[in-house]
PDBML (XML) file of the C-alpha atoms, coordinates in Angstrom:
<?xml version="1.0" encoding="UTF-8" ?>
<PDBx:datablock datablockName="MODEL"
   xmlns:PDBx="http://pdbml.pdb.org/schema/pdbx-v50.xsd"
   xmlns:xsi="http://www.w3.org/2001/XMLSchema-instance"
   xsi:schemaLocation="http://pdbml.pdb.org/schema/pdbx-v50.xsd pdbx-v50.xsd">
   <PDBx:atom_siteCategory>
      <PDBx:atom_site id="1">
         <PDBx:B_iso_or_equiv>0.00</PDBx:B_iso_or_equiv>
         <PDBx:Cartn_x>268.873</PDBx:Cartn_x>
         <PDBx:Cartn_y>21.069</PDBx:Cartn_y>
         <PDBx:Cartn_z>160.893</PDBx:Cartn_z>
         <PDBx:auth_asym_id>A</PDBx:auth_asym_id>
         <PDBx:auth_atom_id>CA</PDBx:auth_atom_id>
         <PDBx:auth_comp_id>GLY</PDBx:auth_comp_id>
         <PDBx:auth_seq_id>1</PDBx:auth_seq_id>
         <PDBx:group_PDB>ATOM</PDBx:group_PDB>
         <PDBx:label_alt_id xsi:nil="true" />
         <PDBx:label_asym_id>A</PDBx:label_asym_id>
         <PDBx:label_atom_id>CA</PDBx:label_atom_id>
         <PDBx:label_comp_id>GLY</PDBx:label_comp_id>
         <PDBx:label_entity_id>1</PDBx:label_entity_id>
         <PDBx:label_seq_id>1</PDBx:label_seq_id>
         <PDBx:occupancy>1.00</PDBx:occupancy>
         <PDBx:pdbx_PDB_model_num>1</PDBx:pdbx_PDB_model_num>
         <PDBx:type_symbol>C</PDBx:type_symbol>
      </PDBx:atom_site>
      <PDBx:atom_site id="2">
         <PDBx:B_iso_or_equiv>0.00</PDBx:B_iso_or_equiv>
         <PDBx:Cartn_x>272.416</PDBx:Cartn_x>
         <PDBx:Cartn_y>20.499</PDBx:Cartn_y>
         <PDBx:Cartn_z>161.915</PDBx:Cartn_z>
         <PDBx:auth_asym_id>A</PDBx:auth_asym_id>
         <PDBx:auth_atom_id>CA</PDBx:auth_atom_id>
         <PDBx:auth_comp_id>ASP</PDBx:auth_comp_id>
         <PDBx:auth_seq_id>2</PDBx:auth_seq_id>
         <PDBx:group_PDB>ATOM</PDBx:group_PDB>
         <PDBx:label_alt_id xsi:nil="true" />
         <PDBx:label_asym_id>A</PDBx:label_asym_id>
         <PDBx:label_atom_id>CA</PDBx:label_atom_id>
         <PDBx:label_comp_id>ASP</PDBx:label_comp_id>
         <PDBx:label_entity_id>1</PDBx:label_entity_id>
         <PDBx:label_seq_id>2</PDBx:label_seq_id>
         <PDBx:occupancy>1.00</PDBx:occupancy>
         <PDBx:pdbx_PDB_model_num>1</PDBx:pdbx_PDB_model_num>
         <PDBx:type_symbol>C</PDBx:type_symbol>
      </PDBx:atom_site>
      <PDBx:atom_site id="3">
         <PDBx:B_iso_or_equiv>0.00</PDBx:B_iso_or_equiv>
         <PDBx:Cartn_x>273.090</PDBx:Cartn_x>
         <PDBx:Cartn_y>23.649</PDBx:Cartn_y>
         <PDBx:Cartn_z>163.297</PDBx:Cartn_z>
         <PDBx:auth_asym_id>A</PDBx:auth_asym_id>
         <PDBx:auth_atom_id>CA</PDBx:auth_atom_id>
         <PDBx:auth_comp_id>ARG</PDBx:auth_comp_id>
         <PDBx:auth_seq_id>3</PDBx:auth_seq_id>
         <PDBx:group_PDB>ATOM</PDBx:group_PDB>
         <PDBx:label_alt_id xsi:nil="true" />
         <PDBx:label_asym_id>A</PDBx:label_asym_id>
         <PDBx:label_atom_id>CA</PDBx:label_atom_id>
         <PDBx:label_comp_id>ARG</PDBx:label_comp_id>
         <PDBx:label_entity_id>1</PDBx:label_entity_id>
         <PDBx:label_seq_id>3</PDBx:label_seq_id>
         <PDBx:occupancy>1.00</PDBx:occupancy>
         <PDBx:pdbx_PDB_model_num>1</PDBx:pdbx_PDB_model_num>
         <PDBx:type_symbol>C</PDBx:type_symbol>
      </PDBx:atom_site>
      <PDBx:atom_site id="4">
         <PDBx:B_iso_or_equiv>0.00</PDBx:B_iso_or_equiv>
         <PDBx:Cartn_x>269.714</PDBx:Cartn_x>
         <PDBx:Cartn_y>23.470</PDBx:Cartn_y>
         <PDBx:Cartn_z>165.226</PDBx:Cartn_z>
         <PDBx:auth_asym_id>A</PDBx:auth_asym_id>
         <PDBx:auth_atom_id>CA</PDBx:auth_atom_id>
         <PDBx:auth_comp_id>LEU</PDBx:auth_comp_id>
         <PDBx:auth_seq_id>4</PDBx:auth_seq_id>
         <PDBx:group_PDB>ATOM</PDBx:group_PDB>
         <PDBx:label_alt_id xsi:nil="true" />
         <PDBx:label_asym_id>A</PDBx:label_asym_id>
         <PDBx:label_atom_id>CA</PDBx:label_atom_id>
         <PDBx:label_comp_id>LEU</PDBx:label_comp_id>
         <PDBx:label_entity_id>1</PDBx:label_entity_id>
         <PDBx:label_seq_id>4</PDBx:label_seq_id>
         <PDBx:occupancy>1.00</PDBx:occupancy>
         <PDBx:pdbx_PDB_model_num>1</PDBx:pdbx_PDB_model_num>
         <PDBx:type_symbol>C</PDBx:type_symbol>
      </PDBx:atom_site>
      <PDBx:atom_site id="5">
         <PDBx:B_iso_or_equiv>0.00</PDBx:B_iso_or_equiv>
         <PDBx:Cartn_x>270.455</PDBx:Cartn_x>
         <PDBx:Cartn_y>20.020</PDBx:Cartn_y>
         <PDBx:Cartn_z>166.619</PDBx:Cartn_z>
         <PDBx:auth_asym_id>A</PDBx:auth_asym_id>
         <PDBx:auth_atom_id>CA</PDBx:auth_atom_id>
         <PDBx:auth_comp_id>ALA</PDBx:auth_comp_id>
         <PDBx:auth_seq_id>5</PDBx:auth_seq_id>
         <PDBx:group_PDB>ATOM</PDBx:group_PDB>
         <PDBx:label_alt_id xsi:nil="true" />
         <PDBx:label_asym_id>A</PDBx:label_asym_id>
         <PDBx:label_atom_id>CA</PDBx:label_atom_id>
         <PDBx:label_comp_id>ALA</PDBx:label_comp_id>
         <PDBx:label_entity_id>1</PDBx:label_entity_id>
         <PDBx:label_seq_id>5</PDBx:label_seq_id>
         <PDBx:occupancy>1.00</PDBx:occupancy>
         <PDBx:pdbx_PDB_model_num>1</PDBx:pdbx_PDB_model_num>
         <PDBx:type_symbol>C</PDBx:type_symbol>
      </PDBx:atom_site>
      <PDBx:atom_site id="6">
         <PDBx:B_iso_or_equiv>0.00</PDBx:B_iso_or_equiv>
         <PDBx:Cartn_x>274.350</PDBx:Cartn_x>
         <PDBx:Cartn_y>21.359</PDBx:Cartn_y>
         <PDBx:Cartn_z>167.491</PDBx:Cartn_z>
         <PDBx:auth_asym_id>A</PDBx:auth_asym_id>
         <PDBx:auth_atom_id>CA</PDBx:auth_atom_id>
         <PDBx:auth_comp_id>GLY</PDBx:auth_comp_id>
         <PDBx:auth_seq_id>6</PDBx:auth_seq_id>
         <PDBx:group_PDB>ATOM</PDBx:group_PDB>
         <PDBx:label_alt_id xsi:nil="true" />
         <PDBx:label_asym_id>A</PDBx:label_asym_id>
         <PDBx:label_atom_id>CA</PDBx:label_atom_id>
         <PDBx:label_comp_id>GLY</PDBx:label_comp_id>
         <PDBx:label_entity_id>1</PDBx:label_entity_id>
         <PDBx:label_seq_id>6</PDBx:label_seq_id>
         <PDBx:occupancy>1.00</PDBx:occupancy>
         <PDBx:pdbx_PDB_model_num>1</PDBx:pdbx_PDB_model_num>
         <PDBx:type_symbol>C</PDBx:type_symbol>
      </PDBx:atom_site>
      <PDBx:atom_site id="7">
         <PDBx:B_iso_or_equiv>0.00</PDBx:B_iso_or_equiv>
         <PDBx:Cartn_x>272.612</PDBx:Cartn_x>
         <PDBx:Cartn_y>23.917</PDBx:Cartn_y>
         <PDBx:Cartn_z>169.738</PDBx:Cartn_z>
         <PDBx:auth_asym_id>A</PDBx:auth_asym_id>
         <PDBx:auth_atom_id>CA</PDBx:auth_atom_id>
         <PDBx:auth_comp_id>ILE</PDBx:auth_comp_id>
         <PDBx:auth_seq_id>7</PDBx:auth_seq_id>
         <PDBx:group_PDB>ATOM</PDBx:group_PDB>
         <PDBx:label_alt_id xsi:nil="true" />
         <PDBx:label_asym_id>A</PDBx:label_asym_id>
         <PDBx:label_atom_id>CA</PDBx:label_atom_id>
         <PDBx:label_comp_id>ILE</PDBx:label_comp_id>
         <PDBx:label_entity_id>1</PDBx:label_entity_id>
         <PDBx:label_seq_id>7</PDBx:label_seq_id>
         <PDBx:occupancy>1.00</PDBx:occupancy>
         <PDBx:pdbx_PDB_model_num>1</PDBx:pdbx_PDB_model_num>
         <PDBx:type_symbol>C</PDBx:type_symbol>
      </PDBx:atom_site>
      <PDBx:atom_site id="8">
         <PDBx:B_iso_or_equiv>0.00</PDBx:B_iso_or_equiv>
         <PDBx:Cartn_x>270.422</PDBx:Cartn_x>
         <PDBx:Cartn_y>21.246</PDBx:Cartn_y>
         <PDBx:Cartn_z>171.579</PDBx:Cartn_z>
         <PDBx:auth_asym_id>A</PDBx:auth_asym_id>
         <PDBx:auth_atom_id>CA</PDBx:auth_atom_id>
         <PDBx:auth_comp_id>TYR</PDBx:auth_comp_id>
         <PDBx:auth_seq_id>8</PDBx:auth_seq_id>
         <PDBx:group_PDB>ATOM</PDBx:group_PDB>
         <PDBx:label_alt_id xsi:nil="true" />
         <PDBx:label_asym_id>A</PDBx:label_asym_id>
         <PDBx:label_atom_id>CA</PDBx:label_atom_id>
         <PDBx:label_comp_id>TYR</PDBx:label_comp_id>
         <PDBx:label_entity_id>1</PDBx:label_entity_id>
         <PDBx:label_seq_id>8</PDBx:label_seq_id>
         <PDBx:occupancy>1.00</PDBx:occupancy>
         <PDBx:pdbx_PDB_model_num>1</PDBx:pdbx_PDB_model_num>
         <PDBx:type_symbol>C</PDBx:type_symbol>
      </PDBx:atom_site>
      <PDBx:atom_site id="9">
         <PDBx:B_iso_or_equiv>0.00</PDBx:B_iso_or_equiv>
         <PDBx:Cartn_x>273.499</PDBx:Cartn_x>
         <PDBx:Cartn_y>19.089</PDBx:Cartn_y>
         <PDBx:Cartn_z>172.037</PDBx:Cartn_z>
         <PDBx:auth_asym_id>A</PDBx:auth_asym_id>
         <PDBx:auth_atom_id>CA</PDBx:auth_atom_id>
         <PDBx:auth_comp_id>ARG</PDBx:auth_comp_id>
         <PDBx:auth_seq_id>9</PDBx:auth_seq_id>
         <PDBx:group_PDB>ATOM</PDBx:group_PDB>
         <PDBx:label_alt_id xsi:nil="true" />
         <PDBx:label_asym_id>A</PDBx:label_asym_id>
         <PDBx:label_atom_id>CA</PDBx:label_atom_id>
         <PDBx:label_comp_id>ARG</PDBx:label_comp_id>
         <PDBx:label_entity_id>1</PDBx:label_entity_id>
         <PDBx:label_seq_id>9</PDBx:label_seq_id>
         <PDBx:occupancy>1.00</PDBx:occupancy>
         <PDBx:pdbx_PDB_model_num>1</PDBx:pdbx_PDB_model_num>
         <PDBx:type_symbol>C</PDBx:type_symbol>
      </PDBx:atom_site>
      <PDBx:atom_site id="10">
         <PDBx:B_iso_or_equiv>0.00</PDBx:B_iso_or_equiv>
         <PDBx:Cartn_x>275.415</PDBx:Cartn_x>
         <PDBx:Cartn_y>21.884</PDBx:Cartn_y>
         <PDBx:Cartn_z>173.067</PDBx:Cartn_z>
         <PDBx:auth_asym_id>A</PDBx:auth_asym_id>
         <PDBx:auth_atom_id>CA</PDBx:auth_atom_id>
         <PDBx:auth_comp_id>ASP</PDBx:auth_comp_id>
         <PDBx:auth_seq_id>10</PDBx:auth_seq_id>
         <PDBx:group_PDB>ATOM</PDBx:group_PDB>
         <PDBx:label_alt_id xsi:nil="true" />
         <PDBx:label_asym_id>A</PDBx:label_asym_id>
         <PDBx:label_atom_id>CA</PDBx:label_atom_id>
         <PDBx:label_comp_id>ASP</PDBx:label_comp_id>
         <PDBx:label_entity_id>1</PDBx:label_entity_id>
         <PDBx:label_seq_id>10</PDBx:label_seq_id>
         <PDBx:occupancy>1.00</PDBx:occupancy>
         <PDBx:pdbx_PDB_model_num>1</PDBx:pdbx_PDB_model_num>
         <PDBx:type_symbol>C</PDBx:type_symbol>
      </PDBx:atom_site>
      <PDBx:atom_site id="11">
         <PDBx:B_iso_or_equiv>0.00</PDBx:B_iso_or_equiv>
         <PDBx:Cartn_x>272.845</PDBx:Cartn_x>
         <PDBx:Cartn_y>22.824</PDBx:Cartn_y>
         <PDBx:Cartn_z>176.096</PDBx:Cartn_z>
         <PDBx:auth_asym_id>A</PDBx:auth_asym_id>
         <PDBx:auth_atom_id>CA</PDBx:auth_atom_id>
         <PDBx:auth_comp_id>PHE</PDBx:auth_comp_id>
         <PDBx:auth_seq_id>11</PDBx:auth_seq_id>
         <PDBx:group_PDB>ATOM</PDBx:group_PDB>
         <PDBx:label_alt_id xsi:nil="true" />
         <PDBx:label_asym_id>A</PDBx:label_asym_id>
         <PDBx:label_atom_id>CA</PDBx:label_atom_id>
         <PDBx:label_comp_id>PHE</PDBx:label_comp_id>
         <PDBx:label_entity_id>1</PDBx:label_entity_id>
         <PDBx:label_seq_id>11</PDBx:label_seq_id>
         <PDBx:occupancy>1.00</PDBx:occupancy>
         <PDBx:pdbx_PDB_model_num>1</PDBx:pdbx_PDB_model_num>
         <PDBx:type_symbol>C</PDBx:type_symbol>
      </PDBx:atom_site>
      <PDBx:atom_site id="12">
         <PDBx:B_iso_or_equiv>0.00</PDBx:B_iso_or_equiv>
         <PDBx:Cartn_x>273.342</PDBx:Cartn_x>
         <PDBx:Cartn_y>19.314</PDBx:Cartn_y>
         <PDBx:Cartn_z>176.967</PDBx:Cartn_z>
         <PDBx:auth_asym_id>A</PDBx:auth_asym_id>
         <PDBx:auth_atom_id>CA</PDBx:auth_atom_id>
         <PDBx:auth_comp_id>GLY</PDBx:auth_comp_id>
         <PDBx:auth_seq_id>12</PDBx:auth_seq_id>
         <PDBx:group_PDB>ATOM</PDBx:group_PDB>
         <PDBx:label_alt_id xsi:nil="true" />
         <PDBx:label_asym_id>A</PDBx:label_asym_id>
         <PDBx:label_atom_id>CA</PDBx:label_atom_id>
         <PDBx:label_comp_id>GLY</PDBx:label_comp_id>
         <PDBx:label_entity_id>1</PDBx:label_entity_id>
         <PDBx:label_seq_id>12</PDBx:label_seq_id>
         <PDBx:occupancy>1.00</PDBx:occupancy>
         <PDBx:pdbx_PDB_model_num>1</PDBx:pdbx_PDB_model_num>
         <PDBx:type_symbol>C</PDBx:type_symbol>
      </PDBx:atom_site>
      <PDBx:atom_site id="13">
         <PDBx:B_iso_or_equiv>0.00</PDBx:B_iso_or_equiv>
         <PDBx:Cartn_x>269.957</PDBx:Cartn_x>
         <PDBx:Cartn_y>17.743</PDBx:Cartn_y>
         <PDBx:Cartn_z>175.477</PDBx:Cartn_z>
         <PDBx:auth_asym_id>A</PDBx:auth_asym_id>
         <PDBx:auth_atom_id>CA</PDBx:auth_atom_id>
         <PDBx:auth_comp_id>PHE</PDBx:auth_comp_id>
         <PDBx:auth_seq_id>13</PDBx:auth_seq_id>
         <PDBx:group_PDB>ATOM</PDBx:group_PDB>
         <PDBx:label_alt_id xsi:nil="true" />
         <PDBx:label_asym_id>A</PDBx:label_asym_id>
         <PDBx:label_atom_id>CA</PDBx:label_atom_id>
         <PDBx:label_comp_id>PHE</PDBx:label_comp_id>
         <PDBx:label_entity_id>1</PDBx:label_entity_id>
         <PDBx:label_seq_id>13</PDBx:label_seq_id>
         <PDBx:occupancy>1.00</PDBx:occupancy>
         <PDBx:pdbx_PDB_model_num>1</PDBx:pdbx_PDB_model_num>
         <PDBx:type_symbol>C</PDBx:type_symbol>
      </PDBx:atom_site>
      <PDBx:atom_site id="14">
         <PDBx:B_iso_or_equiv>0.00</PDBx:B_iso_or_equiv>
         <PDBx:Cartn_x>270.492</PDBx:Cartn_x>
         <PDBx:Cartn_y>14.270</PDBx:Cartn_y>
         <PDBx:Cartn_z>173.786</PDBx:Cartn_z>
         <PDBx:auth_asym_id>A</PDBx:auth_asym_id>
         <PDBx:auth_atom_id>CA</PDBx:auth_atom_id>
         <PDBx:auth_comp_id>GLY</PDBx:auth_comp_id>
         <PDBx:auth_seq_id>14</PDBx:auth_seq_id>
         <PDBx:group_PDB>ATOM</PDBx:group_PDB>
         <PDBx:label_alt_id xsi:nil="true" />
         <PDBx:label_asym_id>A</PDBx:label_asym_id>
         <PDBx:label_atom_id>CA</PDBx:label_atom_id>
         <PDBx:label_comp_id>GLY</PDBx:label_comp_id>
         <PDBx:label_entity_id>1</PDBx:label_entity_id>
         <PDBx:label_seq_id>14</PDBx:label_seq_id>
         <PDBx:occupancy>1.00</PDBx:occupancy>
         <PDBx:pdbx_PDB_model_num>1</PDBx:pdbx_PDB_model_num>
         <PDBx:type_symbol>C</PDBx:type_symbol>
      </PDBx:atom_site>
      <PDBx:atom_site id="15">
         <PDBx:B_iso_or_equiv>0.00</PDBx:B_iso_or_equiv>
         <PDBx:Cartn_x>272.937</PDBx:Cartn_x>
         <PDBx:Cartn_y>13.112</PDBx:Cartn_y>
         <PDBx:Cartn_z>176.760</PDBx:Cartn_z>
         <PDBx:auth_asym_id>A</PDBx:auth_asym_id>
         <PDBx:auth_atom_id>CA</PDBx:auth_atom_id>
         <PDBx:auth_comp_id>SER</PDBx:auth_comp_id>
         <PDBx:auth_seq_id>15</PDBx:auth_seq_id>
         <PDBx:group_PDB>ATOM</PDBx:group_PDB>
         <PDBx:label_alt_id xsi:nil="true" />
         <PDBx:label_asym_id>A</PDBx:label_asym_id>
         <PDBx:label_atom_id>CA</PDBx:label_atom_id>
         <PDBx:label_comp_id>SER</PDBx:label_comp_id>
         <PDBx:label_entity_id>1</PDBx:label_entity_id>
         <PDBx:label_seq_id>15</PDBx:label_seq_id>
         <PDBx:occupancy>1.00</PDBx:occupancy>
         <PDBx:pdbx_PDB_model_num>1</PDBx:pdbx_PDB_model_num>
         <PDBx:type_symbol>C</PDBx:type_symbol>
      </PDBx:atom_site>
      <PDBx:atom_site id="16">
         <PDBx:B_iso_or_equiv>0.00</PDBx:B_iso_or_equiv>
         <PDBx:Cartn_x>272.996</PDBx:Cartn_x>
         <PDBx:Cartn_y>12.106</PDBx:Cartn_y>
         <PDBx:Cartn_z>180.307</PDBx:Cartn_z>
         <PDBx:auth_asym_id>A</PDBx:auth_asym_id>
         <PDBx:auth_atom_id>CA</PDBx:auth_atom_id>
         <PDBx:auth_comp_id>ARG</PDBx:auth_comp_id>
         <PDBx:auth_seq_id>16</PDBx:auth_seq_id>
         <PDBx:group_PDB>ATOM</PDBx:group_PDB>
         <PDBx:label_alt_id xsi:nil="true" />
         <PDBx:label_asym_id>A</PDBx:label_asym_id>
         <PDBx:label_atom_id>CA</PDBx:label_atom_id>
         <PDBx:label_comp_id>ARG</PDBx:label_comp_id>
         <PDBx:label_entity_id>1</PDBx:label_entity_id>
         <PDBx:label_seq_id>16</PDBx:label_seq_id>
         <PDBx:occupancy>1.00</PDBx:occupancy>
         <PDBx:pdbx_PDB_model_num>1</PDBx:pdbx_PDB_model_num>
         <PDBx:type_symbol>C</PDBx:type_symbol>
      </PDBx:atom_site>
      <PDBx:atom_site id="17">
         <PDBx:B_iso_or_equiv>0.00</PDBx:B_iso_or_equiv>
         <PDBx:Cartn_x>273.880</PDBx:Cartn_x>
         <PDBx:Cartn_y>15.188</PDBx:Cartn_y>
         <PDBx:Cartn_z>182.689</PDBx:Cartn_z>
         <PDBx:auth_asym_id>A</PDBx:auth_asym_id>
         <PDBx:auth_atom_id>CA</PDBx:auth_atom_id>
         <PDBx:auth_comp_id>THR</PDBx:auth_comp_id>
         <PDBx:auth_seq_id>17</PDBx:auth_seq_id>
         <PDBx:group_PDB>ATOM</PDBx:group_PDB>
         <PDBx:label_alt_id xsi:nil="true" />
         <PDBx:label_asym_id>A</PDBx:label_asym_id>
         <PDBx:label_atom_id>CA</PDBx:label_atom_id>
         <PDBx:label_comp_id>THR</PDBx:label_comp_id>
         <PDBx:label_entity_id>1</PDBx:label_entity_id>
         <PDBx:label_seq_id>17</PDBx:label_seq_id>
         <PDBx:occupancy>1.00</PDBx:occupancy>
         <PDBx:pdbx_PDB_model_num>1</PDBx:pdbx_PDB_model_num>
         <PDBx:type_symbol>C</PDBx:type_symbol>
      </PDBx:atom_site>
      <PDBx:atom_site id="18">
         <PDBx:B_iso_or_equiv>0.00</PDBx:B_iso_or_equiv>
         <PDBx:Cartn_x>275.705</PDBx:Cartn_x>
         <PDBx:Cartn_y>12.557</PDBx:Cartn_y>
         <PDBx:Cartn_z>185.091</PDBx:Cartn_z>
         <PDBx:auth_asym_id>A</PDBx:auth_asym_id>
         <PDBx:auth_atom_id>CA</PDBx:auth_atom_id>
         <PDBx:auth_comp_id>GLY</PDBx:auth_comp_id>
         <PDBx:auth_seq_id>18</PDBx:auth_seq_id>
         <PDBx:group_PDB>ATOM</PDBx:group_PDB>
         <PDBx:label_alt_id xsi:nil="true" />
         <PDBx:label_asym_id>A</PDBx:label_asym_id>
         <PDBx:label_atom_id>CA</PDBx:label_atom_id>
         <PDBx:label_comp_id>GLY</PDBx:label_comp_id>
         <PDBx:label_entity_id>1</PDBx:label_entity_id>
         <PDBx:label_seq_id>18</PDBx:label_seq_id>
         <PDBx:occupancy>1.00</PDBx:occupancy>
         <PDBx:pdbx_PDB_model_num>1</PDBx:pdbx_PDB_model_num>
         <PDBx:type_symbol>C</PDBx:type_symbol>
      </PDBx:atom_site>
      <PDBx:atom_site id="19">
         <PDBx:B_iso_or_equiv>0.00</PDBx:B_iso_or_equiv>
         <PDBx:Cartn_x>273.456</PDBx:Cartn_x>
         <PDBx:Cartn_y>13.227</PDBx:Cartn_y>
         <PDBx:Cartn_z>188.226</PDBx:Cartn_z>
         <PDBx:auth_asym_id>A</PDBx:auth_asym_id>
         <PDBx:auth_atom_id>CA</PDBx:auth_atom_id>
         <PDBx:auth_comp_id>VAL</PDBx:auth_comp_id>
         <PDBx:auth_seq_id>19</PDBx:auth_seq_id>
         <PDBx:group_PDB>ATOM</PDBx:group_PDB>
         <PDBx:label_alt_id xsi:nil="true" />
         <PDBx:label_asym_id>A</PDBx:label_asym_id>
         <PDBx:label_atom_id>CA</PDBx:label_atom_id>
         <PDBx:label_comp_id>VAL</PDBx:label_comp_id>
         <PDBx:label_entity_id>1</PDBx:label_entity_id>
         <PDBx:label_seq_id>19</PDBx:label_seq_id>
         <PDBx:occupancy>1.00</PDBx:occupancy>
         <PDBx:pdbx_PDB_model_num>1</PDBx:pdbx_PDB_model_num>
         <PDBx:type_symbol>C</PDBx:type_symbol>
      </PDBx:atom_site>
      <PDBx:atom_site id="20">
         <PDBx:B_iso_or_equiv>0.00</PDBx:B_iso_or_equiv>
         <PDBx:Cartn_x>273.948</PDBx:Cartn_x>
         <PDBx:Cartn_y>10.829</PDBx:Cartn_y>
         <PDBx:Cartn_z>191.024</PDBx:Cartn_z>
         <PDBx:auth_asym_id>A</PDBx:auth_asym_id>
         <PDBx:auth_atom_id>CA</PDBx:auth_atom_id>
         <PDBx:auth_comp_id>GLU</PDBx:auth_comp_id>
         <PDBx:auth_seq_id>20</PDBx:auth_seq_id>
         <PDBx:group_PDB>ATOM</PDBx:group_PDB>
         <PDBx:label_alt_id xsi:nil="true" />
         <PDBx:label_asym_id>A</PDBx:label_asym_id>
         <PDBx:label_atom_id>CA</PDBx:label_atom_id>
         <PDBx:label_comp_id>GLU</PDBx:label_comp_id>
         <PDBx:label_entity_id>1</PDBx:label_entity_id>
         <PDBx:label_seq_id>20</PDBx:label_seq_id>
         <PDBx:occupancy>1.00</PDBx:occupancy>
         <PDBx:pdbx_PDB_model_num>1</PDBx:pdbx_PDB_model_num>
         <PDBx:type_symbol>C</PDBx:type_symbol>
      </PDBx:atom_site>
      <PDBx:atom_site id="21">
         <PDBx:B_iso_or_equiv>0.00</PDBx:B_iso_or_equiv>
         <PDBx:Cartn_x>270.530</PDBx:Cartn_x>
         <PDBx:Cartn_y>9.103</PDBx:Cartn_y>
         <PDBx:Cartn_z>190.381</PDBx:Cartn_z>
         <PDBx:auth_asym_id>A</PDBx:auth_asym_id>
         <PDBx:auth_atom_id>CA</PDBx:auth_atom_id>
         <PDBx:auth_comp_id>LEU</PDBx:auth_comp_id>
         <PDBx:auth_seq_id>21</PDBx:auth_seq_id>
         <PDBx:group_PDB>ATOM</PDBx:group_PDB>
         <PDBx:label_alt_id xsi:nil="true" />
         <PDBx:label_asym_id>A</PDBx:label_asym_id>
         <PDBx:label_atom_id>CA</PDBx:label_atom_id>
         <PDBx:label_comp_id>LEU</PDBx:label_comp_id>
         <PDBx:label_entity_id>1</PDBx:label_entity_id>
         <PDBx:label_seq_id>21</PDBx:label_seq_id>
         <PDBx:occupancy>1.00</PDBx:occupancy>
         <PDBx:pdbx_PDB_model_num>1</PDBx:pdbx_PDB_model_num>
         <PDBx:type_symbol>C</PDBx:type_symbol>
      </PDBx:atom_site>
      <PDBx:atom_site id="22">
         <PDBx:B_iso_or_equiv>0.00</PDBx:B_iso_or_equiv>
         <PDBx:Cartn_x>269.799</PDBx:Cartn_x>
         <PDBx:Cartn_y>5.712</PDBx:Cartn_y>
         <PDBx:Cartn_z>188.522</PDBx:Cartn_z>
         <PDBx:auth_asym_id>A</PDBx:auth_asym_id>
         <PDBx:auth_atom_id>CA</PDBx:auth_atom_id>
         <PDBx:auth_comp_id>PRO</PDBx:auth_comp_id>
         <PDBx:auth_seq_id>22</PDBx:auth_seq_id>
         <PDBx:group_PDB>ATOM</PDBx:group_PDB>
         <PDBx:label_alt_id xsi:nil="true" />
         <PDBx:label_asym_id>A</PDBx:label_asym_id>
         <PDBx:label_atom_id>CA</PDBx:label_atom_id>
         <PDBx:label_comp_id>PRO</PDBx:label_comp_id>
         <PDBx:label_entity_id>1</PDBx:label_entity_id>
         <PDBx:label_seq_id>22</PDBx:label_seq_id>
         <PDBx:occupancy>1.00</PDBx:occupancy>
         <PDBx:pdbx_PDB_model_num>1</PDBx:pdbx_PDB_model_num>
         <PDBx:type_symbol>C</PDBx:type_symbol>
      </PDBx:atom_site>
      <PDBx:atom_site id="23">
         <PDBx:B_iso_or_equiv>0.00</PDBx:B_iso_or_equiv>
         <PDBx:Cartn_x>267.822</PDBx:Cartn_x>
         <PDBx:Cartn_y>5.480</PDBx:Cartn_y>
         <PDBx:Cartn_z>185.402</PDBx:Cartn_z>
         <PDBx:auth_asym_id>A</PDBx:auth_asym_id>
         <PDBx:auth_atom_id>CA</PDBx:auth_atom_id>
         <PDBx:auth_comp_id>GLY</PDBx:auth_comp_id>
         <PDBx:auth_seq_id>23</PDBx:auth_seq_id>
         <PDBx:group_PDB>ATOM</PDBx:group_PDB>
         <PDBx:label_alt_id xsi:nil="true" />
         <PDBx:label_asym_id>A</PDBx:label_asym_id>
         <PDBx:label_atom_id>CA</PDBx:label_atom_id>
         <PDBx:label_comp_id>GLY</PDBx:label_comp_id>
         <PDBx:label_entity_id>1</PDBx:label_entity_id>
         <PDBx:label_seq_id>23</PDBx:label_seq_id>
         <PDBx:occupancy>1.00</PDBx:occupancy>
         <PDBx:pdbx_PDB_model_num>1</PDBx:pdbx_PDB_model_num>
         <PDBx:type_symbol>C</PDBx:type_symbol>
      </PDBx:atom_site>
      <PDBx:atom_site id="24">
         <PDBx:B_iso_or_equiv>0.00</PDBx:B_iso_or_equiv>
         <PDBx:Cartn_x>268.271</PDBx:Cartn_x>
         <PDBx:Cartn_y>8.717</PDBx:Cartn_y>
         <PDBx:Cartn_z>183.881</PDBx:Cartn_z>
         <PDBx:auth_asym_id>A</PDBx:auth_asym_id>
         <PDBx:auth_atom_id>CA</PDBx:auth_atom_id>
         <PDBx:auth_comp_id>GLU</PDBx:auth_comp_id>
         <PDBx:auth_seq_id>24</PDBx:auth_seq_id>
         <PDBx:group_PDB>ATOM</PDBx:group_PDB>
         <PDBx:label_alt_id xsi:nil="true" />
         <PDBx:label_asym_id>A</PDBx:label_asym_id>
         <PDBx:label_atom_id>CA</PDBx:label_atom_id>
         <PDBx:label_comp_id>GLU</PDBx:label_comp_id>
         <PDBx:label_entity_id>1</PDBx:label_entity_id>
         <PDBx:label_seq_id>24</PDBx:label_seq_id>
         <PDBx:occupancy>1.00</PDBx:occupancy>
         <PDBx:pdbx_PDB_model_num>1</PDBx:pdbx_PDB_model_num>
         <PDBx:type_symbol>C</PDBx:type_symbol>
      </PDBx:atom_site>
   </PDBx:atom_siteCategory>
</PDBx:datablock>
């Protein structure tokens, strides 16, 4: 579970991308 969650987070899941649009 921990390594799988880490892989997903490395790919950007679980955090905002920072795109210039409101409400992300």
